[in-house]
PDB file of N, CA and C in Angstrom:
ATOM      1  N   MET A   1    -124.209 104.291 -84.561  1.00  0.00           N
ATOM      2  CA  MET A   1    -125.090 105.252 -85.184  1.00  0.00           C
ATOM      3  C   MET A   1    -126.524 105.122 -84.681  1.00  0.00           C
ATOM      4  N   ASN A   2    -126.862 104.044 -84.050  1.00  0.00           N
ATOM      5  CA  ASN A   2    -128.249 103.822 -83.643  1.00  0.00           C
ATOM      6  C   ASN A   2    -128.772 104.825 -82.629  1.00  0.00           C
ATOM      7  N   HIS A   3    -127.900 105.512 -81.911  1.00  0.00           N
ATOM      8  CA  HIS A   3    -128.376 106.452 -80.914  1.00  0.00           C
ATOM      9  C   HIS A   3    -128.760 107.802 -81.511  1.00  0.00           C
ATOM     10  N   TYR A   4    -128.519 108.008 -82.782  1.00  0.00           N
ATOM     11  CA  TYR A   4    -128.898 109.250 -83.441  1.00  0.00           C
ATOM     12  C   TYR A   4    -130.325 109.140 -83.974  1.00  0.00           C
ATOM     13  N   SER A   5    -130.921 110.289 -84.294  1.00  0.00           N
ATOM     14  CA  SER A   5    -132.287 110.302 -84.800  1.00  0.00           C
ATOM     15  C   SER A   5    -132.350 109.661 -86.184  1.00  0.00           C
ATOM     16  N   LEU A   6    -133.563 109.339 -86.587  1.00  0.00           N
ATOM     17  CA  LEU A   6    -133.807 108.723 -87.895  1.00  0.00           C
ATOM     18  C   LEU A   6    -133.183 109.552 -89.013  1.00  0.00           C
ATOM     19  N   SER A   7    -133.468 110.844 -89.041  1.00  0.00           N
ATOM     20  CA  SER A   7    -132.955 111.669 -90.135  1.00  0.00           C
ATOM     21  C   SER A   7    -131.431 111.770 -90.085  1.00  0.00           C
ATOM     22  N   ASN A   8    -130.858 111.813 -88.887  1.00  0.00           N
ATOM     23  CA  ASN A   8    -129.395 111.875 -88.778  1.00  0.00           C
ATOM     24  C   ASN A   8    -128.744 110.593 -89.278  1.00  0.00           C
ATOM     25  N   ARG A   9    -129.352 109.437 -88.978  1.00  0.00           N
ATOM     26  CA  ARG A   9    -128.791 108.170 -89.438  1.00  0.00           C
ATOM     27  C   ARG A   9    -128.841 108.091 -90.958  1.00  0.00           C
ATOM     28  N   ALA A  10    -129.974 108.460 -91.545  1.00  0.00           N
ATOM     29  CA  ALA A  10    -130.125 108.415 -93.002  1.00  0.00           C
ATOM     30  C   ALA A  10    -129.179 109.411 -93.671  1.00  0.00           C
ATOM     31  N   ASN A  11    -129.069 110.616 -93.114  1.00  0.00           N
ATOM     32  CA  ASN A  11    -128.165 111.625 -93.686  1.00  0.00           C
ATOM     33  C   ASN A  11    -126.702 111.214 -93.547  1.00  0.00           C
ATOM     34  N   ALA A  12    -126.366 110.557 -92.442  1.00  0.00           N
ATOM     35  CA  ALA A  12    -124.984 110.096 -92.252  1.00  0.00           C
ATOM     36  C   ALA A  12    -124.607 109.096 -93.344  1.00  0.00           C
ATOM     37  N   LEU A  13    -125.531 108.220 -93.695  1.00  0.00           N
ATOM     38  CA  LEU A  13    -125.251 107.249 -94.752  1.00  0.00           C
ATOM     39  C   LEU A  13    -125.031 107.951 -96.090  1.00  0.00           C
ATOM     40  N   LYS A  14    -125.832 108.970 -96.376  1.00  0.00           N
ATOM     41  CA  LYS A  14    -125.650 109.730 -97.616  1.00  0.00           C
ATOM     42  C   LYS A  14    -124.303 110.443 -97.612  1.00  0.00           C
ATOM     43  N   SER A  15    -123.917 110.980 -96.456  1.00  0.00           N
ATOM     44  CA  SER A  15    -122.626 111.668 -96.344  1.00  0.00           C
ATOM     45  C   SER A  15    -121.458 110.707 -96.541  1.00  0.00           C
ATOM     46  N   ILE A  16    -121.597 109.500 -96.037  1.00  0.00           N
ATOM     47  CA  ILE A  16    -120.546 108.489 -96.231  1.00  0.00           C
ATOM     48  C   ILE A  16    -120.406 108.170 -97.720  1.00  0.00           C
ATOM     49  N   GLY A  17    -121.535 108.047 -98.402  1.00  0.00           N
ATOM     50  CA  GLY A  17    -121.491 107.800 -99.845  1.00  0.00           C
ATOM     51  C   GLY A  17    -120.791 108.925-100.583  1.00  0.00           C
ATOM     52  N   SER A  18    -121.091 110.163-100.214  1.00  0.00           N
ATOM     53  CA  SER A  18    -120.434 111.319-100.830  1.00  0.00           C
ATOM     54  C   SER A  18    -118.936 111.308-100.553  1.00  0.00           C
ATOM     55  N   PHE A  19    -118.591 111.008 -99.316  1.00  0.00           N
ATOM     56  CA  PHE A  19    -117.179 110.946 -98.940  1.00  0.00           C
ATOM     57  C   PHE A  19    -116.432 109.923 -99.791  1.00  0.00           C
ATOM     58  N   LEU A  20    -116.995 108.727 -99.927  1.00  0.00           N
ATOM     59  CA  LEU A  20    -116.324 107.676-100.691  1.00  0.00           C
ATOM     60  C   LEU A  20    -116.193 108.029-102.168  1.00  0.00           C
ATOM     61  N   SER A  21    -117.158 108.746-102.694  1.00  0.00           N
ATOM     62  CA  SER A  21    -117.075 109.091-104.113  1.00  0.00           C
ATOM     63  C   SER A  21    -116.125 110.258-104.374  1.00  0.00           C
ATOM     64  N   GLU A  22    -115.825 111.040-103.336  1.00  0.00           N
ATOM     65  CA  GLU A  22    -114.982 112.220-103.522  1.00  0.00           C
ATOM     66  C   GLU A  22    -113.549 112.069-103.021  1.00  0.00           C
ATOM     67  N   CYS A  23    -113.286 111.120-102.126  1.00  0.00           N
ATOM     68  CA  CYS A  23    -111.934 111.052-101.553  1.00  0.00           C
ATOM     69  C   CYS A  23    -110.961 110.375-102.514  1.00  0.00           C
ATOM     70  N   ARG A  24    -109.669 110.634-102.298  1.00  0.00           N
ATOM     71  CA  ARG A  24    -108.627 110.164-103.215  1.00  0.00           C
ATOM     72  C   ARG A  24    -108.395 108.661-103.163  1.00  0.00           C
ATOM     73  N   GLU A  25    -108.327 108.098-101.981  1.00  0.00           N
ATOM     74  CA  GLU A  25    -108.039 106.672-101.805  1.00  0.00           C
ATOM     75  C   GLU A  25    -109.172 105.995-101.035  1.00  0.00           C
ATOM     76  N   PRO A  26    -110.354 105.898-101.623  1.00  0.00           N
ATOM     77  CA  PRO A  26    -111.501 105.386-100.867  1.00  0.00           C
ATOM     78  C   PRO A  26    -111.377 103.927-100.435  1.00  0.00           C
ATOM     79  N   THR A  27    -110.608 103.127-101.164  1.00  0.00           N
ATOM     80  CA  THR A  27    -110.491 101.708-100.838  1.00  0.00           C
ATOM     81  C   THR A  27    -109.938 101.489 -99.434  1.00  0.00           C
ATOM     82  N   GLN A  28    -109.076 102.374 -98.988  1.00  0.00           N
ATOM     83  CA  GLN A  28    -108.479 102.214 -97.661  1.00  0.00           C
ATOM     84  C   GLN A  28    -109.507 102.377 -96.537  1.00  0.00           C
ATOM     85  N   TYR A  29    -110.664 102.936 -96.842  1.00  0.00           N
ATOM     86  CA  TYR A  29    -111.687 103.157 -95.814  1.00  0.00           C
ATOM     87  C   TYR A  29    -112.723 102.041 -95.742  1.00  0.00           C
ATOM     88  N   ILE A  30    -112.721 101.148 -96.697  1.00  0.00           N
ATOM     89  CA  ILE A  30    -113.739 100.093 -96.745  1.00  0.00           C
ATOM     90  C   ILE A  30    -113.745  99.262 -95.462  1.00  0.00           C
ATOM     91  N   ALA A  31    -112.576  98.863 -94.991  1.00  0.00           N
ATOM     92  CA  ALA A  31    -112.492  98.010 -93.795  1.00  0.00           C
ATOM     93  C   ALA A  31    -112.979  98.721 -92.536  1.00  0.00           C
ATOM     94  N   ILE A  32    -113.008 100.036 -92.562  1.00  0.00           N
ATOM     95  CA  ILE A  32    -113.504 100.806 -91.420  1.00  0.00           C
ATOM     96  C   ILE A  32    -114.997 101.091 -91.579  1.00  0.00           C
ATOM     97  N   ILE A  33    -115.391 101.518 -92.754  1.00  0.00           N
ATOM     98  CA  ILE A  33    -116.763 101.972 -92.968  1.00  0.00           C
ATOM     99  C   ILE A  33    -117.768 100.827 -93.027  1.00  0.00           C
ATOM    100  N   VAL A  34    -117.478  99.811 -93.819  1.00  0.00           N
ATOM    101  CA  VAL A  34    -118.470  98.750 -94.049  1.00  0.00           C
ATOM    102  C   VAL A  34    -118.937  98.076 -92.753  1.00  0.00           C
ATOM    103  N   PRO A  35    -118.040  97.632 -91.864  1.00  0.00           N
ATOM    104  CA  PRO A  35    -118.534  96.999 -90.634  1.00  0.00           C
ATOM    105  C   PRO A  35    -119.398  97.930 -89.778  1.00  0.00           C
ATOM    106  N   ASN A  36    -119.068  99.210 -89.776  1.00  0.00           N
ATOM    107  CA  ASN A  36    -119.829 100.156 -88.964  1.00  0.00           C
ATOM    108  C   ASN A  36    -121.206 100.450 -89.531  1.00  0.00           C
ATOM    109  N   ILE A  37    -121.305 100.583 -90.845  1.00  0.00           N
ATOM    110  CA  ILE A  37    -122.624 100.866 -91.410  1.00  0.00           C
ATOM    111  C   ILE A  37    -123.510  99.624 -91.428  1.00  0.00           C
ATOM    112  N   LEU A  38    -122.887  98.447 -91.475  1.00  0.00           N
ATOM    113  CA  LEU A  38    -123.681  97.214 -91.492  1.00  0.00           C
ATOM    114  C   LEU A  38    -124.500  97.017 -90.224  1.00  0.00           C
ATOM    115  N   GLU A  39    -124.123  97.681 -89.146  1.00  0.00           N
ATOM    116  CA  GLU A  39    -124.925  97.611 -87.922  1.00  0.00           C
ATOM    117  C   GLU A  39    -126.358  98.061 -88.188  1.00  0.00           C
ATOM    118  N   LEU A  40    -126.520  98.927 -89.183  1.00  0.00           N
ATOM    119  CA  LEU A  40    -127.847  99.467 -89.486  1.00  0.00           C
ATOM    120  C   LEU A  40    -128.729  98.499 -90.272  1.00  0.00           C
ATOM    121  N   VAL A  41    -128.210  97.330 -90.604  1.00  0.00           N
ATOM    122  CA  VAL A  41    -129.043  96.293 -91.220  1.00  0.00           C
ATOM    123  C   VAL A  41    -130.231  95.996 -90.310  1.00  0.00           C
ATOM    124  N   LEU A  42    -130.018  96.072 -89.018  1.00  0.00           N
ATOM    125  CA  LEU A  42    -131.060  95.732 -88.046  1.00  0.00           C
ATOM    126  C   LEU A  42    -131.832  96.949 -87.544  1.00  0.00           C
ATOM    127  N   ASP A  43    -131.653  98.097 -88.185  1.00  0.00           N
ATOM    128  CA  ASP A  43    -132.369  99.302 -87.777  1.00  0.00           C
ATOM    129  C   ASP A  43    -133.872  99.102 -87.958  1.00  0.00           C
ATOM    130  N   LYS A  44    -134.635  99.601 -87.036  1.00  0.00           N
ATOM    131  CA  LYS A  44    -136.094  99.428 -87.083  1.00  0.00           C
ATOM    132  C   LYS A  44    -136.751 100.311 -88.152  1.00  0.00           C
ATOM    133  N   GLU A  45    -136.070 101.371 -88.542  1.00  0.00           N
ATOM    134  CA  GLU A  45    -136.653 102.330 -89.489  1.00  0.00           C
ATOM    135  C   GLU A  45    -136.354 101.948 -90.941  1.00  0.00           C
ATOM    136  N   LEU A  46    -137.401 101.823 -91.729  1.00  0.00           N
ATOM    137  CA  LEU A  46    -137.274 101.455 -93.136  1.00  0.00           C
ATOM    138  C   LEU A  46    -136.421 102.466 -93.902  1.00  0.00           C
ATOM    139  N   LYS A  47    -136.614 103.753 -93.643  1.00  0.00           N
ATOM    140  CA  LYS A  47    -135.860 104.790 -94.368  1.00  0.00           C
ATOM    141  C   LYS A  47    -134.354 104.600 -94.179  1.00  0.00           C
ATOM    142  N   VAL A  48    -133.941 104.255 -92.983  1.00  0.00           N
ATOM    143  CA  VAL A  48    -132.520 104.038 -92.704  1.00  0.00           C
ATOM    144  C   VAL A  48    -132.025 102.803 -93.442  1.00  0.00           C
ATOM    145  N   ARG A  49    -132.798 101.716 -93.387  1.00  0.00           N
ATOM    146  CA  ARG A  49    -132.388 100.487 -94.074  1.00  0.00           C
ATOM    147  C   ARG A  49    -132.342 100.692 -95.584  1.00  0.00           C
ATOM    148  N   GLU A  50    -133.278 101.460 -96.129  1.00  0.00           N
ATOM    149  CA  GLU A  50    -133.253 101.739 -97.566  1.00  0.00           C
ATOM    150  C   GLU A  50    -132.032 102.580 -97.938  1.00  0.00           C
ATOM    151  N   SER A  51    -131.705 103.560 -97.092  1.00  0.00           N
ATOM    152  CA  SER A  51    -130.498 104.369 -97.334  1.00  0.00           C
ATOM    153  C   SER A  51    -129.256 103.493 -97.276  1.00  0.00           C
ATOM    154  N   LEU A  52    -129.253 102.571 -96.317  1.00  0.00           N
ATOM    155  CA  LEU A  52    -128.133 101.638 -96.201  1.00  0.00           C
ATOM    156  C   LEU A  52    -128.033 100.757 -97.443  1.00  0.00           C
ATOM    157  N   ALA A  53    -129.157 100.228 -97.894  1.00  0.00           N
ATOM    158  CA  ALA A  53    -129.152  99.363 -99.084  1.00  0.00           C
ATOM    159  C   ALA A  53    -128.625 100.118-100.302  1.00  0.00           C
ATOM    160  N   THR A  54    -129.026 101.371-100.451  1.00  0.00           N
ATOM    161  CA  THR A  54    -128.556 102.191-101.569  1.00  0.00           C
ATOM    162  C   THR A  54    -127.054 102.420-101.468  1.00  0.00           C
ATOM    163  N   LEU A  55    -126.590 102.782-100.275  1.00  0.00           N
ATOM    164  CA  LEU A  55    -125.162 103.019-100.079  1.00  0.00           C
ATOM    165  C   LEU A  55    -124.358 101.750-100.342  1.00  0.00           C
ATOM    166  N   LEU A  56    -124.805 100.635 -99.791  1.00  0.00           N
ATOM    167  CA  LEU A  56    -124.075  99.382-100.000  1.00  0.00           C
ATOM    168  C   LEU A  56    -124.033  98.997-101.470  1.00  0.00           C
ATOM    169  N   LYS A  57    -125.141  99.162-102.168  1.00  0.00           N
ATOM    170  CA  LYS A  57    -125.148  98.835-103.596  1.00  0.00           C
ATOM    171  C   LYS A  57    -124.119  99.690-104.336  1.00  0.00           C
ATOM    172  N   ASN A  58    -124.067 100.977-104.001  1.00  0.00           N
ATOM    173  CA  ASN A  58    -123.079 101.859-104.627  1.00  0.00           C
ATOM    174  C   ASN A  58    -121.663 101.440-104.269  1.00  0.00           C
ATOM    175  N   ILE A  59    -121.455 101.026-103.033  1.00  0.00           N
ATOM    176  CA  ILE A  59    -120.130 100.555-102.607  1.00  0.00           C
ATOM    177  C   ILE A  59    -119.766  99.277-103.350  1.00  0.00           C
ATOM    178  N   TRP A  60    -120.719  98.342-103.458  1.00  0.00           N
ATOM    179  CA  TRP A  60    -120.433  97.082-104.169  1.00  0.00           C
ATOM    180  C   TRP A  60    -120.015  97.398-105.599  1.00  0.00           C
ATOM    181  N   ILE A  61    -120.709  98.346-106.236  1.00  0.00           N
ATOM    182  CA  ILE A  61    -120.428  98.692-107.629  1.00  0.00           C
ATOM    183  C   ILE A  61    -119.092  99.435-107.755  1.00  0.00           C
ATOM    184  N   GLN A  62    -118.823 100.345-106.829  1.00  0.00           N
ATOM    185  CA  GLN A  62    -117.655 101.220-106.921  1.00  0.00           C
ATOM    186  C   GLN A  62    -116.324 100.504-106.719  1.00  0.00           C
ATOM    187  N   PHE A  63    -116.325  99.438-105.916  1.00  0.00           N
ATOM    188  CA  PHE A  63    -115.056  98.822-105.534  1.00  0.00           C
ATOM    189  C   PHE A  63    -114.930  97.398-106.058  1.00  0.00           C
ATOM    190  N   PRO A  64    -113.706  96.999-106.375  1.00  0.00           N
ATOM    191  CA  PRO A  64    -113.478  95.624-106.841  1.00  0.00           C
ATOM    192  C   PRO A  64    -113.634  94.638-105.688  1.00  0.00           C
ATOM    193  N   PHE A  65    -113.838  93.410-106.031  1.00  0.00           N
ATOM    194  CA  PHE A  65    -114.041  92.342-105.042  1.00  0.00           C
ATOM    195  C   PHE A  65    -112.949  92.301-103.983  1.00  0.00           C
ATOM    196  N   ARG A  66    -111.705  92.476-104.389  1.00  0.00           N
ATOM    197  CA  ARG A  66    -110.584  92.377-103.438  1.00  0.00           C
ATOM    198  C   ARG A  66    -110.648  93.434-102.337  1.00  0.00           C
ATOM    199  N   ALA A  67    -111.355  94.535-102.565  1.00  0.00           N
ATOM    200  CA  ALA A  67    -111.471  95.588-101.545  1.00  0.00           C
ATOM    201  C   ALA A  67    -112.245  95.114-100.323  1.00  0.00           C
ATOM    202  N   PHE A  68    -112.999  94.030-100.475  1.00  0.00           N
ATOM    203  CA  PHE A  68    -113.840  93.542 -99.388  1.00  0.00           C
ATOM    204  C   PHE A  68    -113.252  92.342 -98.654  1.00  0.00           C
ATOM    205  N   SER A  69    -112.031  91.980 -98.968  1.00  0.00           N
ATOM    206  CA  SER A  69    -111.444  90.780 -98.368  1.00  0.00           C
ATOM    207  C   SER A  69    -111.409  90.852 -96.841  1.00  0.00           C
ATOM    208  N   ALA A  70    -111.152  92.019 -96.288  1.00  0.00           N
ATOM    209  CA  ALA A  70    -111.066  92.142 -94.829  1.00  0.00           C
ATOM    210  C   ALA A  70    -112.436  92.169 -94.153  1.00  0.00           C
ATOM    211  N   VAL A  71    -113.485  92.401 -94.918  1.00  0.00           N
ATOM    212  CA  VAL A  71    -114.814  92.532 -94.304  1.00  0.00           C
ATOM    213  C   VAL A  71    -115.811  91.470 -94.758  1.00  0.00           C
ATOM    214  N   GLN A  72    -115.333  90.439 -95.438  1.00  0.00           N
ATOM    215  CA  GLN A  72    -116.252  89.406 -95.928  1.00  0.00           C
ATOM    216  C   GLN A  72    -117.029  88.739 -94.801  1.00  0.00           C
ATOM    217  N   LYS A  73    -116.324  88.285 -93.796  1.00  0.00           N
ATOM    218  CA  LYS A  73    -116.998  87.528 -92.738  1.00  0.00           C
ATOM    219  C   LYS A  73    -117.969  88.386 -91.940  1.00  0.00           C
ATOM    220  N   ILE A  74    -117.583  89.612 -91.627  1.00  0.00           N
ATOM    221  CA  ILE A  74    -118.488  90.474 -90.863  1.00  0.00           C
ATOM    222  C   ILE A  74    -119.693  90.872 -91.713  1.00  0.00           C
ATOM    223  N   THR A  75    -119.478  91.047 -93.012  1.00  0.00           N
ATOM    224  CA  THR A  75    -120.588  91.365 -93.906  1.00  0.00           C
ATOM    225  C   THR A  75    -121.607  90.232 -93.899  1.00  0.00           C
ATOM    226  N   ILE A  76    -121.133  89.013 -94.040  1.00  0.00           N
ATOM    227  CA  ILE A  76    -122.035  87.864 -94.049  1.00  0.00           C
ATOM    228  C   ILE A  76    -122.701  87.680 -92.690  1.00  0.00           C
ATOM    229  N   THR A  77    -121.991  87.963 -91.621  1.00  0.00           N
ATOM    230  CA  THR A  77    -122.582  87.864 -90.285  1.00  0.00           C
ATOM    231  C   THR A  77    -123.771  88.814 -90.150  1.00  0.00           C
ATOM    232  N   TYR A  78    -123.601  90.047 -90.574  1.00  0.00           N
ATOM    233  CA  TYR A  78    -124.707  91.006 -90.499  1.00  0.00           C
ATOM    234  C   TYR A  78    -125.842  90.626 -91.447  1.00  0.00           C
ATOM    235  N   ILE A  79    -125.505  90.164 -92.636  1.00  0.00           N
ATOM    236  CA  ILE A  79    -126.548  89.743 -93.573  1.00  0.00           C
ATOM    237  C   ILE A  79    -127.332  88.567 -92.987  1.00  0.00           C
ATOM    238  N   ASN A  80    -126.622  87.619 -92.400  1.00  0.00           N
ATOM    239  CA  ASN A  80    -127.312  86.497 -91.759  1.00  0.00           C
ATOM    240  C   ASN A  80    -128.213  86.971 -90.629  1.00  0.00           C
ATOM    241  N   SER A  81    -127.739  87.915 -89.850  1.00  0.00           N
ATOM    242  CA  SER A  81    -128.558  88.457 -88.760  1.00  0.00           C
ATOM    243  C   SER A  81    -129.833  89.086 -89.308  1.00  0.00           C
ATOM    244  N   GLY A  82    -129.681  89.842 -90.374  1.00  0.00           N
ATOM    245  CA  GLY A  82    -130.851  90.467 -90.975  1.00  0.00           C
ATOM    246  C   GLY A  82    -131.810  89.466 -91.591  1.00  0.00           C
ATOM    247  N   LEU A  83    -131.269  88.449 -92.240  1.00  0.00           N
ATOM    248  CA  LEU A  83    -132.124  87.436 -92.870  1.00  0.00           C
ATOM    249  C   LEU A  83    -132.877  86.584 -91.859  1.00  0.00           C
ATOM    250  N   THR A  84    -132.362  86.491 -90.653  1.00  0.00           N
ATOM    251  CA  THR A  84    -133.015  85.670 -89.623  1.00  0.00           C
ATOM    252  C   THR A  84    -133.713  86.519 -88.566  1.00  0.00           C
ATOM    253  N   SER A  85    -133.839  87.814 -88.825  1.00  0.00           N
ATOM    254  CA  SER A  85    -134.524  88.709 -87.891  1.00  0.00           C
ATOM    255  C   SER A  85    -135.992  88.318 -87.756  1.00  0.00           C
ATOM    256  N   LEU A  86    -136.542  88.617 -86.607  1.00  0.00           N
ATOM    257  CA  LEU A  86    -137.975  88.372 -86.398  1.00  0.00           C
ATOM    258  C   LEU A  86    -138.826  89.406 -87.136  1.00  0.00           C
ATOM    259  N   GLU A  87    -138.228  90.524 -87.496  1.00  0.00           N
ATOM    260  CA  GLU A  87    -138.958  91.594 -88.174  1.00  0.00           C
ATOM    261  C   GLU A  87    -138.958  91.372 -89.682  1.00  0.00           C
ATOM    262  N   ARG A  88    -140.135  91.263 -90.229  1.00  0.00           N
ATOM    263  CA  ARG A  88    -140.306  90.986 -91.658  1.00  0.00           C
ATOM    264  C   ARG A  88    -139.626  92.040 -92.538  1.00  0.00           C
ATOM    265  N   GLY A  89    -139.766  93.311 -92.188  1.00  0.00           N
ATOM    266  CA  GLY A  89    -139.180  94.391 -92.976  1.00  0.00           C
ATOM    267  C   GLY A  89    -137.662  94.298 -93.022  1.00  0.00           C
ATOM    268  N   ILE A  90    -137.064  93.925 -91.900  1.00  0.00           N
ATOM    269  CA  ILE A  90    -135.608  93.771 -91.852  1.00  0.00           C
ATOM    270  C   ILE A  90    -135.181  92.615 -92.750  1.00  0.00           C
ATOM    271  N   ARG A  91    -135.910  91.505 -92.696  1.00  0.00           N
ATOM    272  CA  ARG A  91    -135.582  90.364 -93.561  1.00  0.00           C
ATOM    273  C   ARG A  91    -135.661  90.753 -95.035  1.00  0.00           C
ATOM    274  N   LYS A  92    -136.704  91.502 -95.386  1.00  0.00           N
ATOM    275  CA  LYS A  92    -136.903  91.896 -96.785  1.00  0.00           C
ATOM    276  C   LYS A  92    -135.776  92.817 -97.264  1.00  0.00           C
ATOM    277  N   THR A  93    -135.459  93.836 -96.483  1.00  0.00           N
ATOM    278  CA  THR A  93    -134.402  94.763 -96.876  1.00  0.00           C
ATOM    279  C   THR A  93    -133.057  94.050 -96.965  1.00  0.00           C
ATOM    280  N   THR A  94    -132.808  93.153 -96.031  1.00  0.00           N
ATOM    281  CA  THR A  94    -131.542  92.416 -96.048  1.00  0.00           C
ATOM    282  C   THR A  94    -131.459  91.505 -97.270  1.00  0.00           C
ATOM    283  N   ALA A  95    -132.566  90.907 -97.651  1.00  0.00           N
ATOM    284  CA  ALA A  95    -132.575  90.063 -98.851  1.00  0.00           C
ATOM    285  C   ALA A  95    -132.245  90.898-100.091  1.00  0.00           C
ATOM    286  N   ILE A  96    -132.736  92.118-100.138  1.00  0.00           N
ATOM    287  CA  ILE A  96    -132.417  93.016-101.251  1.00  0.00           C
ATOM    288  C   ILE A  96    -130.923  93.321-101.261  1.00  0.00           C
ATOM    289  N   MET A  97    -130.356  93.580-100.079  1.00  0.00           N
ATOM    290  CA  MET A  97    -128.919  93.849 -99.984  1.00  0.00           C
ATOM    291  C   MET A  97    -128.108  92.646-100.464  1.00  0.00           C
ATOM    292  N   LEU A  98    -128.539  91.452-100.081  1.00  0.00           N
ATOM    293  CA  LEU A  98    -127.850  90.235-100.492  1.00  0.00           C
ATOM    294  C   LEU A  98    -127.933  90.051-102.006  1.00  0.00           C
ATOM    295  N   LEU A  99    -129.103  90.299-102.580  1.00  0.00           N
ATOM    296  CA  LEU A  99    -129.254  90.186-104.039  1.00  0.00           C
ATOM    297  C   LEU A  99    -128.377  91.196-104.771  1.00  0.00           C
ATOM    298  N   ASP A 100    -128.312  92.420-104.232  1.00  0.00           N
ATOM    299  CA  ASP A 100    -127.443  93.433-104.844  1.00  0.00           C
ATOM    300  C   ASP A 100    -125.984  92.989-104.800  1.00  0.00           C
ATOM    301  N   LEU A 101    -125.577  92.477-103.657  1.00  0.00           N
ATOM    302  CA  LEU A 101    -124.196  92.004-103.509  1.00  0.00           C
ATOM    303  C   LEU A 101    -123.924  90.853-104.472  1.00  0.00           C
ATOM    304  N   ALA A 102    -124.854  89.916-104.551  1.00  0.00           N
ATOM    305  CA  ALA A 102    -124.681  88.753-105.430  1.00  0.00           C
ATOM    306  C   ALA A 102    -124.645  89.152-106.900  1.00  0.00           C
ATOM    307  N   SER A 103    -125.396  90.174-107.275  1.00  0.00           N
ATOM    308  CA  SER A 103    -125.416  90.577-108.681  1.00  0.00           C
ATOM    309  C   SER A 103    -124.128  91.291-109.088  1.00  0.00           C
ATOM    310  N   VAL A 104    -123.495  91.982-108.143  1.00  0.00           N
ATOM    311  CA  VAL A 104    -122.264  92.712-108.467  1.00  0.00           C
ATOM    312  C   VAL A 104    -121.018  91.859-108.227  1.00  0.00           C
ATOM    313  N   HIS A 105    -121.006  91.125-107.116  1.00  0.00           N
ATOM    314  CA  HIS A 105    -119.840  90.309-106.744  1.00  0.00           C
ATOM    315  C   HIS A 105    -120.282  88.874-106.416  1.00  0.00           C
ATOM    316  N   PRO A 106    -120.647  88.093-107.423  1.00  0.00           N
ATOM    317  CA  PRO A 106    -121.115  86.730-107.153  1.00  0.00           C
ATOM    318  C   PRO A 106    -120.076  85.873-106.428  1.00  0.00           C
ATOM    319  N   THR A 107    -118.810  86.157-106.631  1.00  0.00           N
ATOM    320  CA  THR A 107    -117.763  85.391-105.960  1.00  0.00           C
ATOM    321  C   THR A 107    -117.852  85.553-104.451  1.00  0.00           C
ATOM    322  N   PHE A 108    -118.216  86.733-104.004  1.00  0.00           N
ATOM    323  CA  PHE A 108    -118.384  87.011-102.573  1.00  0.00           C
ATOM    324  C   PHE A 108    -119.383  86.018-101.971  1.00  0.00           C
ATOM    325  N   ILE A 109    -120.486  85.830-102.674  1.00  0.00           N
ATOM    326  CA  ILE A 109    -121.534  84.928-102.195  1.00  0.00           C
ATOM    327  C   ILE A 109    -121.091  83.472-102.324  1.00  0.00           C
ATOM    328  N   GLU A 110    -120.421  83.131-103.403  1.00  0.00           N
ATOM    329  CA  GLU A 110    -119.947  81.753-103.587  1.00  0.00           C
ATOM    330  C   GLU A 110    -119.036  81.329-102.443  1.00  0.00           C
ATOM    331  N   ILE A 111    -118.138  82.222-102.052  1.00  0.00           N
ATOM    332  CA  ILE A 111    -117.189  81.907-100.979  1.00  0.00           C
ATOM    333  C   ILE A 111    -117.907  81.696 -99.650  1.00  0.00           C
ATOM    334  N   GLN A 112    -118.950  82.475 -99.398  1.00  0.00           N
ATOM    335  CA  GLN A 112    -119.652  82.437 -98.112  1.00  0.00           C
ATOM    336  C   GLN A 112    -120.979  81.671 -98.180  1.00  0.00           C
ATOM    337  N   PHE A 113    -121.237  80.984 -99.289  1.00  0.00           N
ATOM    338  CA  PHE A 113    -122.530  80.347 -99.521  1.00  0.00           C
ATOM    339  C   PHE A 113    -122.958  79.409 -98.391  1.00  0.00           C
ATOM    340  N   ASN A 114    -122.076  78.544 -97.955  1.00  0.00           N
ATOM    341  CA  ASN A 114    -122.447  77.584 -96.906  1.00  0.00           C
ATOM    342  C   ASN A 114    -122.874  78.271 -95.630  1.00  0.00           C
ATOM    343  N   GLN A 115    -122.169  79.323 -95.257  1.00  0.00           N
ATOM    344  CA  GLN A 115    -122.531  80.047 -94.031  1.00  0.00           C
ATOM    345  C   GLN A 115    -123.901  80.715 -94.177  1.00  0.00           C
ATOM    346  N   ILE A 116    -124.171  81.286 -95.332  1.00  0.00           N
ATOM    347  CA  ILE A 116    -125.467  81.959 -95.554  1.00  0.00           C
ATOM    348  C   ILE A 116    -126.593  80.941 -95.489  1.00  0.00           C
ATOM    349  N   ILE A 117    -126.479  79.859 -96.244  1.00  0.00           N
ATOM    350  CA  ILE A 117    -127.539  78.850 -96.299  1.00  0.00           C
ATOM    351  C   ILE A 117    -127.761  78.194 -94.947  1.00  0.00           C
ATOM    352  N   THR A 118    -126.676  77.864 -94.256  1.00  0.00           N
ATOM    353  CA  THR A 118    -126.790  77.232 -92.941  1.00  0.00           C
ATOM    354  C   THR A 118    -127.566  78.110 -91.969  1.00  0.00           C
ATOM    355  N   GLN A 119    -127.250  79.397 -91.966  1.00  0.00           N
ATOM    356  CA  GLN A 119    -127.933  80.320 -91.046  1.00  0.00           C
ATOM    357  C   GLN A 119    -129.403  80.477 -91.398  1.00  0.00           C
ATOM    358  N   VAL A 120    -129.691  80.624 -92.675  1.00  0.00           N
ATOM    359  CA  VAL A 120    -131.072  80.886 -93.091  1.00  0.00           C
ATOM    360  C   VAL A 120    -131.959  79.656 -92.904  1.00  0.00           C
ATOM    361  N   LEU A 121    -131.403  78.481 -93.124  1.00  0.00           N
ATOM    362  CA  LEU A 121    -132.231  77.265 -93.060  1.00  0.00           C
ATOM    363  C   LEU A 121    -132.351  76.674 -91.653  1.00  0.00           C
ATOM    364  N   THR A 122    -131.539  77.137 -90.718  1.00  0.00           N
ATOM    365  CA  THR A 122    -131.644  76.570 -89.368  1.00  0.00           C
ATOM    366  C   THR A 122    -132.439  77.421 -88.439  1.00  0.00           C
TER     367      THR A 122
END
């Protein structure tokens, strides 16, 4: 998605949210959608990262913990990348995403805690 314009990237995230809220079996799309949208954690544009954070928070709320079993490791990999970015804005937005995830699915963070802490502290 990074090759599209700022407004197209932000609108695409909103469209994905609409799709997930309207489709019959949205859980089957989590393993496809989440890894692809997580690439935008490192987007340079704040508007895109904020749209991503909103979409992810809605996804965390909408789906049970087990829906994320196939994407746990890639999710943490992208979160770690964002938390260790040289760009302050990316670190801040990623920290918000991590807090949202932890508040909705604390087990997700408990399982991956060592990987998160190791990456952030080294």
